[in-house]
N, C-alpha and C. Protein backbone atom coordinates (compact mmCIF):
# COMPACT_ATOMS: atom_id res chain seq x y z
N MET A 1 2.66 17.61 -14.31
CA MET A 1 1.59 16.83 -13.74
C MET A 1 0.93 17.65 -12.63
N SER A 2 -0.37 17.70 -12.65
CA SER A 2 -1.09 18.45 -11.62
C SER A 2 -1.02 17.69 -10.30
N ILE A 3 -1.28 18.39 -9.22
CA ILE A 3 -1.25 17.75 -7.91
C ILE A 3 -2.33 16.67 -7.81
N GLN A 4 -3.48 16.91 -8.40
CA GLN A 4 -4.56 15.92 -8.39
C GLN A 4 -4.14 14.66 -9.14
N ASN A 5 -3.44 14.82 -10.27
CA ASN A 5 -2.95 13.65 -11.02
C ASN A 5 -1.88 12.91 -10.23
N ARG A 6 -1.01 13.67 -9.56
CA ARG A 6 0.03 13.04 -8.74
C ARG A 6 -0.59 12.19 -7.63
N ILE A 7 -1.58 12.75 -6.94
CA ILE A 7 -2.25 12.03 -5.86
C ILE A 7 -2.92 10.77 -6.41
N GLU A 8 -3.61 10.94 -7.52
CA GLU A 8 -4.29 9.80 -8.14
C GLU A 8 -3.30 8.68 -8.48
N GLN A 9 -2.15 9.03 -9.00
CA GLN A 9 -1.13 8.04 -9.34
C GLN A 9 -0.57 7.36 -8.08
N GLU A 10 -0.30 8.14 -7.05
CA GLU A 10 0.22 7.56 -5.80
C GLU A 10 -0.76 6.57 -5.21
N ILE A 11 -2.02 6.93 -5.22
CA ILE A 11 -3.06 6.05 -4.66
C ILE A 11 -3.22 4.80 -5.52
N LYS A 12 -3.13 4.98 -6.82
CA LYS A 12 -3.28 3.85 -7.75
C LYS A 12 -2.09 2.90 -7.66
N ASN A 13 -0.89 3.45 -7.49
CA ASN A 13 0.34 2.64 -7.53
C ASN A 13 0.73 2.03 -6.19
N ASN A 14 0.04 2.38 -5.13
CA ASN A 14 0.35 1.87 -3.80
C ASN A 14 -0.92 1.33 -3.15
N ARG A 15 -0.91 0.05 -2.84
CA ARG A 15 -2.11 -0.57 -2.27
C ARG A 15 -2.56 0.13 -1.00
N VAL A 16 -1.59 0.48 -0.13
CA VAL A 16 -1.90 1.20 1.11
C VAL A 16 -1.07 2.47 1.09
N MET A 17 -1.75 3.61 1.07
CA MET A 17 -1.09 4.92 0.96
C MET A 17 -1.57 5.81 2.09
N LEU A 18 -0.61 6.34 2.85
CA LEU A 18 -0.92 7.21 3.97
C LEU A 18 -0.33 8.59 3.73
N TYR A 19 -1.17 9.59 3.72
CA TYR A 19 -0.73 10.99 3.67
C TYR A 19 -0.65 11.46 5.11
N MET A 20 0.53 11.92 5.49
CA MET A 20 0.77 12.22 6.90
C MET A 20 1.65 13.44 7.07
N LYS A 21 1.79 13.87 8.30
CA LYS A 21 2.72 14.95 8.65
C LYS A 21 3.98 14.30 9.19
N GLY A 22 5.06 14.45 8.44
CA GLY A 22 6.32 13.82 8.81
C GLY A 22 6.50 12.52 8.07
N THR A 23 7.34 11.66 8.64
CA THR A 23 7.65 10.36 8.05
C THR A 23 7.37 9.28 9.09
N PRO A 24 7.28 8.02 8.67
CA PRO A 24 7.06 6.96 9.66
C PRO A 24 8.12 6.93 10.75
N ALA A 25 9.36 7.23 10.40
CA ALA A 25 10.43 7.24 11.39
C ALA A 25 10.39 8.48 12.27
N MET A 26 9.81 9.56 11.75
CA MET A 26 9.75 10.81 12.48
C MET A 26 8.44 11.55 12.22
N PRO A 27 7.33 11.03 12.74
CA PRO A 27 6.05 11.73 12.57
C PRO A 27 6.10 13.10 13.25
N GLU A 28 5.40 14.05 12.66
CA GLU A 28 5.43 15.41 13.20
C GLU A 28 4.10 15.85 13.78
N CYS A 29 3.24 14.89 14.06
CA CYS A 29 2.04 15.15 14.85
C CYS A 29 1.58 13.84 15.46
N GLY A 30 0.87 13.93 16.55
CA GLY A 30 0.43 12.74 17.27
C GLY A 30 -0.51 11.86 16.46
N PHE A 31 -1.37 12.46 15.66
CA PHE A 31 -2.31 11.68 14.85
C PHE A 31 -1.58 10.88 13.78
N SER A 32 -0.57 11.51 13.16
CA SER A 32 0.22 10.80 12.15
C SER A 32 1.00 9.67 12.81
N ALA A 33 1.54 9.91 14.00
CA ALA A 33 2.27 8.87 14.73
C ALA A 33 1.35 7.69 15.03
N GLN A 34 0.15 7.98 15.47
CA GLN A 34 -0.80 6.90 15.79
C GLN A 34 -1.20 6.14 14.53
N ALA A 35 -1.40 6.83 13.43
CA ALA A 35 -1.77 6.17 12.17
C ALA A 35 -0.68 5.19 11.75
N VAL A 36 0.57 5.62 11.83
CA VAL A 36 1.70 4.74 11.48
C VAL A 36 1.73 3.54 12.41
N GLN A 37 1.56 3.77 13.70
CA GLN A 37 1.59 2.67 14.67
C GLN A 37 0.49 1.65 14.39
N LEU A 38 -0.69 2.12 14.05
CA LEU A 38 -1.80 1.21 13.76
C LEU A 38 -1.48 0.34 12.55
N LEU A 39 -0.94 0.96 11.50
CA LEU A 39 -0.60 0.20 10.30
C LEU A 39 0.52 -0.81 10.60
N GLN A 40 1.49 -0.38 11.38
CA GLN A 40 2.58 -1.29 11.74
C GLN A 40 2.08 -2.45 12.58
N LYS A 41 1.17 -2.20 13.51
CA LYS A 41 0.61 -3.27 14.34
C LYS A 41 -0.14 -4.30 13.50
N CYS A 42 -0.69 -3.85 12.39
CA CYS A 42 -1.40 -4.75 11.47
C CYS A 42 -0.43 -5.50 10.57
N GLY A 43 0.82 -5.09 10.56
CA GLY A 43 1.80 -5.70 9.67
C GLY A 43 1.65 -5.25 8.23
N ALA A 44 0.98 -4.12 8.04
CA ALA A 44 0.74 -3.63 6.68
C ALA A 44 2.01 -3.06 6.06
N GLN A 45 2.17 -3.33 4.79
CA GLN A 45 3.20 -2.64 4.02
C GLN A 45 2.52 -1.43 3.42
N PHE A 46 3.11 -0.27 3.62
CA PHE A 46 2.45 0.95 3.17
C PHE A 46 3.47 1.98 2.73
N GLU A 47 3.02 2.88 1.91
CA GLU A 47 3.81 4.02 1.46
C GLU A 47 3.23 5.27 2.11
N THR A 48 4.07 6.27 2.25
CA THR A 48 3.61 7.53 2.85
C THR A 48 4.05 8.70 1.99
N ALA A 49 3.36 9.80 2.19
CA ALA A 49 3.75 11.09 1.62
C ALA A 49 3.68 12.11 2.74
N ASN A 50 4.75 12.87 2.88
CA ASN A 50 4.85 13.89 3.92
C ASN A 50 4.28 15.20 3.38
N VAL A 51 3.11 15.58 3.87
CA VAL A 51 2.46 16.79 3.37
C VAL A 51 3.17 18.07 3.83
N LEU A 52 4.00 17.95 4.85
CA LEU A 52 4.71 19.14 5.34
C LEU A 52 5.83 19.55 4.40
N GLU A 53 6.28 18.65 3.55
CA GLU A 53 7.33 18.96 2.58
C GLU A 53 6.79 19.68 1.35
N ASP A 54 5.47 19.65 1.17
CA ASP A 54 4.89 20.16 -0.07
C ASP A 54 3.52 20.81 0.22
N PRO A 55 3.50 22.13 0.34
CA PRO A 55 2.22 22.81 0.64
C PRO A 55 1.14 22.54 -0.40
N GLU A 56 1.54 22.35 -1.65
CA GLU A 56 0.55 22.04 -2.70
C GLU A 56 -0.09 20.68 -2.43
N LEU A 57 0.71 19.71 -2.00
CA LEU A 57 0.18 18.39 -1.66
C LEU A 57 -0.72 18.47 -0.43
N ARG A 58 -0.31 19.26 0.54
CA ARG A 58 -1.09 19.40 1.78
C ARG A 58 -2.50 19.89 1.49
N GLU A 59 -2.64 20.86 0.62
CA GLU A 59 -3.97 21.36 0.26
C GLU A 59 -4.65 20.45 -0.75
N GLY A 60 -3.86 19.91 -1.67
CA GLY A 60 -4.41 19.07 -2.73
C GLY A 60 -5.07 17.81 -2.22
N ILE A 61 -4.48 17.18 -1.20
CA ILE A 61 -5.06 15.95 -0.67
C ILE A 61 -6.38 16.24 0.04
N LYS A 62 -6.48 17.39 0.67
CA LYS A 62 -7.74 17.76 1.32
C LYS A 62 -8.84 17.95 0.28
N GLN A 63 -8.49 18.54 -0.86
CA GLN A 63 -9.48 18.72 -1.93
C GLN A 63 -9.82 17.39 -2.59
N TYR A 64 -8.81 16.57 -2.79
CA TYR A 64 -9.00 15.29 -3.46
C TYR A 64 -10.01 14.43 -2.70
N SER A 65 -9.86 14.38 -1.39
CA SER A 65 -10.71 13.52 -0.56
C SER A 65 -11.96 14.23 -0.04
N ASP A 66 -11.95 15.54 -0.12
CA ASP A 66 -12.99 16.36 0.51
C ASP A 66 -13.02 16.06 2.01
N TRP A 67 -11.83 15.94 2.59
CA TRP A 67 -11.65 15.65 4.02
C TRP A 67 -10.67 16.67 4.55
N PRO A 68 -10.99 17.40 5.61
CA PRO A 68 -10.19 18.56 6.02
C PRO A 68 -8.93 18.27 6.82
N THR A 69 -8.74 17.03 7.30
CA THR A 69 -7.62 16.78 8.20
C THR A 69 -6.64 15.75 7.63
N ILE A 70 -5.47 15.74 8.24
CA ILE A 70 -4.41 14.81 7.88
C ILE A 70 -3.96 14.17 9.19
N PRO A 71 -3.74 12.88 9.23
CA PRO A 71 -3.47 11.94 8.14
C PRO A 71 -4.72 11.46 7.41
N GLN A 72 -4.46 10.93 6.22
CA GLN A 72 -5.51 10.33 5.40
C GLN A 72 -4.99 9.00 4.86
N LEU A 73 -5.82 7.98 4.98
CA LEU A 73 -5.45 6.64 4.55
C LEU A 73 -6.28 6.21 3.35
N TYR A 74 -5.59 5.62 2.37
CA TYR A 74 -6.23 5.03 1.19
C TYR A 74 -5.80 3.58 1.10
N ILE A 75 -6.76 2.68 0.88
CA ILE A 75 -6.46 1.27 0.68
C ILE A 75 -7.16 0.82 -0.58
N ASP A 76 -6.39 0.20 -1.48
CA ASP A 76 -6.91 -0.26 -2.77
C ASP A 76 -7.66 0.85 -3.50
N GLY A 77 -7.11 2.06 -3.44
CA GLY A 77 -7.69 3.19 -4.15
C GLY A 77 -8.87 3.85 -3.46
N GLU A 78 -9.28 3.31 -2.33
CA GLU A 78 -10.46 3.84 -1.62
C GLU A 78 -10.03 4.66 -0.41
N PHE A 79 -10.64 5.82 -0.27
CA PHE A 79 -10.38 6.66 0.90
C PHE A 79 -11.03 6.01 2.11
N ILE A 80 -10.20 5.74 3.14
CA ILE A 80 -10.67 5.10 4.36
C ILE A 80 -11.04 6.15 5.40
N GLY A 81 -10.17 7.14 5.59
CA GLY A 81 -10.43 8.20 6.55
C GLY A 81 -9.17 8.60 7.28
N GLY A 82 -9.38 9.25 8.40
CA GLY A 82 -8.27 9.74 9.21
C GLY A 82 -7.99 8.83 10.39
N CYS A 83 -7.25 9.35 11.32
CA CYS A 83 -6.76 8.58 12.47
C CYS A 83 -7.90 8.00 13.30
N ASP A 84 -8.93 8.77 13.54
CA ASP A 84 -10.04 8.28 14.37
C ASP A 84 -10.74 7.09 13.72
N ILE A 85 -10.94 7.15 12.43
CA ILE A 85 -11.57 6.04 11.72
C ILE A 85 -10.64 4.84 11.69
N MET A 86 -9.35 5.09 11.47
CA MET A 86 -8.37 4.00 11.49
C MET A 86 -8.39 3.29 12.84
N PHE A 87 -8.46 4.07 13.92
CA PHE A 87 -8.47 3.48 15.25
C PHE A 87 -9.70 2.60 15.45
N GLU A 88 -10.85 3.08 15.01
CA GLU A 88 -12.09 2.29 15.15
C GLU A 88 -11.99 1.00 14.34
N LEU A 89 -11.47 1.09 13.12
CA LEU A 89 -11.32 -0.11 12.29
C LEU A 89 -10.34 -1.09 12.93
N PHE A 90 -9.27 -0.57 13.50
CA PHE A 90 -8.29 -1.42 14.18
C PHE A 90 -8.91 -2.10 15.38
N ARG A 91 -9.62 -1.32 16.16
CA ARG A 91 -10.25 -1.85 17.38
C ARG A 91 -11.26 -2.93 17.06
N ASN A 92 -11.97 -2.77 15.93
CA ASN A 92 -12.97 -3.76 15.51
C ASN A 92 -12.35 -4.92 14.73
N GLY A 93 -11.04 -4.89 14.52
CA GLY A 93 -10.37 -5.95 13.78
C GLY A 93 -10.49 -5.83 12.28
N GLU A 94 -11.04 -4.73 11.80
CA GLU A 94 -11.24 -4.57 10.36
C GLU A 94 -10.01 -4.02 9.64
N LEU A 95 -9.21 -3.23 10.31
CA LEU A 95 -8.03 -2.63 9.65
C LEU A 95 -7.02 -3.70 9.28
N GLY A 96 -6.85 -4.68 10.12
CA GLY A 96 -5.88 -5.74 9.87
C GLY A 96 -6.24 -6.69 8.75
N ARG A 97 -7.48 -6.64 8.30
CA ARG A 97 -7.93 -7.54 7.24
C ARG A 97 -7.64 -7.01 5.86
N THR A 98 -7.04 -5.84 5.78
CA THR A 98 -6.79 -5.24 4.47
C THR A 98 -5.59 -5.85 3.82
């Protein structure tokens, strides 16, 4: 399975999917930590993929979304954005409505 197919399947099979550096229990960058905290504050159930464990995934997700940074959030198959966009949506009350 190609990395693009793998990403597509993960996004399709998980309503809320976060590509991040590290894990929710042990984020390995401040932006990933903040993304996890925002989702947890919303009470969202979400799955994650640690891009640091797989260099092919780390580059593949950037190509898939045409977005250069990580973390990246997908909800219902739609690319939402990175940490800054998540924060704005949370602040406006929109992130919790997902």
